[in-house]
C-alpha atoms as a PDB file:
ATOM      1  CA  UNK A   1      94.825 -80.330-220.823  1.00  0.00           C
ATOM      2  CA  UNK A   2      97.828 -81.513-218.801  1.00  0.00           C
ATOM      3  CA  UNK A   3     101.205 -82.282-220.351  1.00  0.00           C
ATOM      4  CA  UNK A   4     103.102 -85.508-219.914  1.00  0.00           C
ATOM      5  CA  UNK A   5     105.891 -85.922-217.370  1.00  0.00           C
ATOM      6  CA  UNK A   6     109.533 -86.705-218.187  1.00  0.00           C
ATOM      7  CA  UNK A   7     112.715 -87.564-216.343  1.00  0.00           C
ATOM      8  CA  UNK A   8     116.235 -86.972-217.554  1.00  0.00           C
ATOM      9  CA  UNK A   9     118.896 -88.898-215.670  1.00  0.00           C
ATOM     10  CA  UNK A  10     122.509 -88.057-216.551  1.00  0.00           C
ATOM     11  CA  UNK A  11     125.452 -90.345-215.801  1.00  0.00           C
ATOM     12  CA  UNK A  12     129.229 -90.222-216.144  1.00  0.00           C
ATOM     13  CA  UNK A  13     130.075 -93.804-217.091  1.00  0.00           C
ATOM     14  CA  UNK A  14     133.475 -95.508-216.884  1.00  0.00           C
ATOM     15  CA  UNK A  15     132.274 -99.002-217.864  1.00  0.00           C
ATOM     16  CA  UNK A  16     129.656 -98.612-220.642  1.00  0.00           C
ATOM     17  CA  UNK A  17     128.994-102.341-221.084  1.00  0.00           C
ATOM     18  CA  UNK A  18     128.088-102.899-217.411  1.00  0.00           C
ATOM     19  CA  UNK A  19     126.202 -99.605-217.205  1.00  0.00           C
ATOM     20  CA  UNK A  20     124.013-100.517-220.208  1.00  0.00           C
ATOM     21  CA  UNK A  21     123.047-103.810-218.544  1.00  0.00           C
ATOM     22  CA  UNK A  22     122.111-101.974-215.323  1.00  0.00           C
ATOM     23  CA  UNK A  23     120.182 -99.325-217.286  1.00  0.00           C
ATOM     24  CA  UNK A  24     118.204-101.962-219.180  1.00  0.00           C
ATOM     25  CA  UNK A  25     117.346-103.808-215.963  1.00  0.00           C
ATOM     26  CA  UNK A  26     116.165-100.594-214.262  1.00  0.00           C
ATOM     27  CA  UNK A  27     114.098 -99.517-217.254  1.00  0.00           C
ATOM     28  CA  UNK A  28     112.479-102.957-217.534  1.00  0.00           C
ATOM     29  CA  UNK A  29     111.278-102.600-213.945  1.00  0.00           C
ATOM     30  CA  UNK A  30     109.771 -99.193-214.723  1.00  0.00           C
ATOM     31  CA  UNK A  31     108.147-100.503-217.932  1.00  0.00           C
ATOM     32  CA  UNK A  32     105.850-102.632-215.820  1.00  0.00           C
ATOM     33  CA  UNK A  33     104.552 -99.722-213.760  1.00  0.00           C
ATOM     34  CA  UNK A  34     101.240 -97.996-214.432  1.00  0.00           C
ATOM     35  CA  UNK A  35     101.638 -94.700-216.286  1.00  0.00           C
ATOM     36  CA  UNK A  36     104.945 -95.597-217.964  1.00  0.00           C
ATOM     37  CA  UNK A  37     104.938 -94.412-221.586  1.00  0.00           C
ATOM     38  CA  UNK A  38     108.464 -94.919-222.923  1.00  0.00           C
ATOM     39  CA  UNK A  39     112.180 -94.624-222.245  1.00  0.00           C
ATOM     40  CA  UNK A  40     115.266 -93.842-224.303  1.00  0.00           C
ATOM     41  CA  UNK A  41     118.999 -94.103-223.651  1.00  0.00           C
ATOM     42  CA  UNK A  42     121.353 -91.513-225.150  1.00  0.00           C
ATOM     43  CA  UNK A  43     125.128 -91.187-225.488  1.00  0.00           C
ATOM     44  CA  UNK A  44     126.726 -87.741-225.663  1.00  0.00           C
ATOM     45  CA  UNK A  45     128.533 -87.095-228.940  1.00  0.00           C
ATOM     46  CA  UNK A  46     131.116 -84.750-227.398  1.00  0.00           C
ATOM     47  CA  UNK A  47     131.779 -86.364-224.009  1.00  0.00           C
ATOM     48  CA  UNK A  48     132.227 -90.127-224.408  1.00  0.00           C
ATOM     49  CA  UNK A  49     131.671 -90.812-220.684  1.00  0.00           C
ATOM     50  CA  UNK A  50     128.286 -89.023-220.573  1.00  0.00           C
ATOM     51  CA  UNK A  51     125.066 -91.020-220.923  1.00  0.00           C
ATOM     52  CA  UNK A  52     121.456 -89.989-220.434  1.00  0.00           C
ATOM     53  CA  UNK A  53     118.276 -91.925-219.708  1.00  0.00           C
ATOM     54  CA  UNK A  54     114.944 -90.267-220.516  1.00  0.00           C
ATOM     55  CA  UNK A  55     111.674 -91.708-219.252  1.00  0.00           C
ATOM     56  CA  UNK A  56     108.188 -90.532-220.205  1.00  0.00           C
ATOM     57  CA  UNK A  57     105.122 -90.820-217.947  1.00  0.00           C
ATOM     58  CA  UNK A  58     101.440 -90.003-218.156  1.00  0.00           C
ATOM     59  CA  UNK A  59     101.732 -87.707-215.137  1.00  0.00           C
ATOM     60  CA  UNK A  60     103.858 -86.849-212.116  1.00  0.00           C
ATOM     61  CA  UNK A  61     101.847 -89.193-209.864  1.00  0.00           C
ATOM     62  CA  UNK A  62     102.600 -92.207-212.069  1.00  0.00           C
ATOM     63  CA  UNK A  63     106.302 -91.415-211.930  1.00  0.00           C
ATOM     64  CA  UNK A  64     106.349 -90.969-208.166  1.00  0.00           C
ATOM     65  CA  UNK A  65     104.355 -94.144-207.535  1.00  0.00           C
ATOM     66  CA  UNK A  66     106.655 -96.103-209.849  1.00  0.00           C
ATOM     67  CA  UNK A  67     109.786 -94.977-208.016  1.00  0.00           C
ATOM     68  CA  UNK A  68     108.113 -95.642-204.677  1.00  0.00           C
ATOM     69  CA  UNK A  69     107.348 -99.264-205.499  1.00  0.00           C
ATOM     70  CA  UNK A  70     109.248-102.048-203.780  1.00  0.00           C
ATOM     71  CA  UNK A  71     110.562-103.256-207.158  1.00  0.00           C
ATOM     72  CA  UNK A  72     112.048 -99.803-207.847  1.00  0.00           C
ATOM     73  CA  UNK A  73     113.573 -99.526-204.390  1.00  0.00           C
ATOM     74  CA  UNK A  74     115.433-102.771-205.018  1.00  0.00           C
ATOM     75  CA  UNK A  75     116.162-102.576-208.765  1.00  0.00           C
ATOM     76  CA  UNK A  76     116.077 -98.916-209.817  1.00  0.00           C
ATOM     77  CA  UNK A  77     117.338 -96.845-206.892  1.00  0.00           C
ATOM     78  CA  UNK A  78     120.770 -98.547-206.779  1.00  0.00           C
ATOM     79  CA  UNK A  79     121.167 -97.643-210.477  1.00  0.00           C
ATOM     80  CA  UNK A  80     120.057 -94.049-209.847  1.00  0.00           C
ATOM     81  CA  UNK A  81     122.533 -93.683-206.988  1.00  0.00           C
ATOM     82  CA  UNK A  82     125.260 -93.131-209.600  1.00  0.00           C
ATOM     83  CA  UNK A  83     123.559 -90.390-211.604  1.00  0.00           C
ATOM     84  CA  UNK A  84     124.753 -86.793-211.637  1.00  0.00           C
ATOM     85  CA  UNK A  85     123.295 -84.619-208.903  1.00  0.00           C
ATOM     86  CA  UNK A  86     121.075 -82.256-210.882  1.00  0.00           C
ATOM     87  CA  UNK A  87     117.336 -81.725-211.479  1.00  0.00           C
ATOM     88  CA  UNK A  88     115.815 -84.748-213.192  1.00  0.00           C
ATOM     89  CA  UNK A  89     112.024 -84.392-213.425  1.00  0.00           C
ATOM     90  CA  UNK A  90     110.225 -82.166-215.939  1.00  0.00           C
ATOM     91  CA  UNK A  91     106.669 -81.765-217.174  1.00  0.00           C
ATOM     92  CA  UNK A  92     105.787 -80.883-220.758  1.00  0.00           C
ATOM     93  CA  UNK A  93     104.372 -77.338-220.999  1.00  0.00           C
ATOM     94  CA  UNK A  94     104.670 -76.569-224.718  1.00  0.00           C
ATOM     95  CA  UNK A  95     104.988 -78.971-227.641  1.00  0.00           C
ATOM     96  CA  UNK A  96     106.048 -77.642-231.050  1.00  0.00           C
ATOM     97  CA  UNK A  97     105.892 -79.519-234.340  1.00  0.00           C
ATOM     98  CA  UNK A  98     106.458 -78.328-237.898  1.00  0.00           C
ATOM     99  CA  UNK A  99     102.893 -77.009-238.131  1.00  0.00           C
ATOM    100  CA  UNK A 100     101.539 -76.616-234.600  1.00  0.00           C
ATOM    101  CA  UNK A 101     102.118 -75.465-231.054  1.00  0.00           C
ATOM    102  CA  UNK A 102     100.259 -77.070-228.138  1.00  0.00           C
ATOM    103  CA  UNK A 103     100.375 -75.570-224.650  1.00  0.00           C
ATOM    104  CA  UNK A 104      99.580 -77.598-221.526  1.00  0.00           C
ATOM    105  CA  UNK A 105      98.613 -76.681-217.983  1.00  0.00           C
ATOM    106  CA  UNK A 106     101.039 -77.452-215.196  1.00  0.00           C
ATOM    107  CA  UNK A 107     100.076 -80.343-212.939  1.00  0.00           C
ATOM    108  CA  UNK A 108     103.000 -79.828-210.576  1.00  0.00           C
ATOM    109  CA  UNK A 109     102.690 -76.353-209.121  1.00  0.00           C
ATOM    110  CA  UNK A 110     100.059 -74.487-211.136  1.00  0.00           C
ATOM    111  CA  UNK A 111     102.567 -72.182-212.835  1.00  0.00           C
ATOM    112  CA  UNK A 112     103.026 -71.909-216.565  1.00  0.00           C
END
């Protein structure tokens, strides 16, 4: 069984009100793409300028196709141009809950 795919985009934000509008617009574009599962926006408790956007996808292909769409090139990529330069895409390999542990196969490079 393959795990889901996730992105974590980190931003240093000087104008939170404008940034939140841009984030919502970008996420709404991605919501309409096949394979989109969910998205969340976070604010760092210790660094007031730091924000994070997490998106969840069925698989890596869904994510890549979504970002390759014309809508994303126009409405998402300009938003992403301001994110911190660090790795952003991750696949779920192990999922722990209070009473279980589920391991997944890698769909990206075959390594676990």
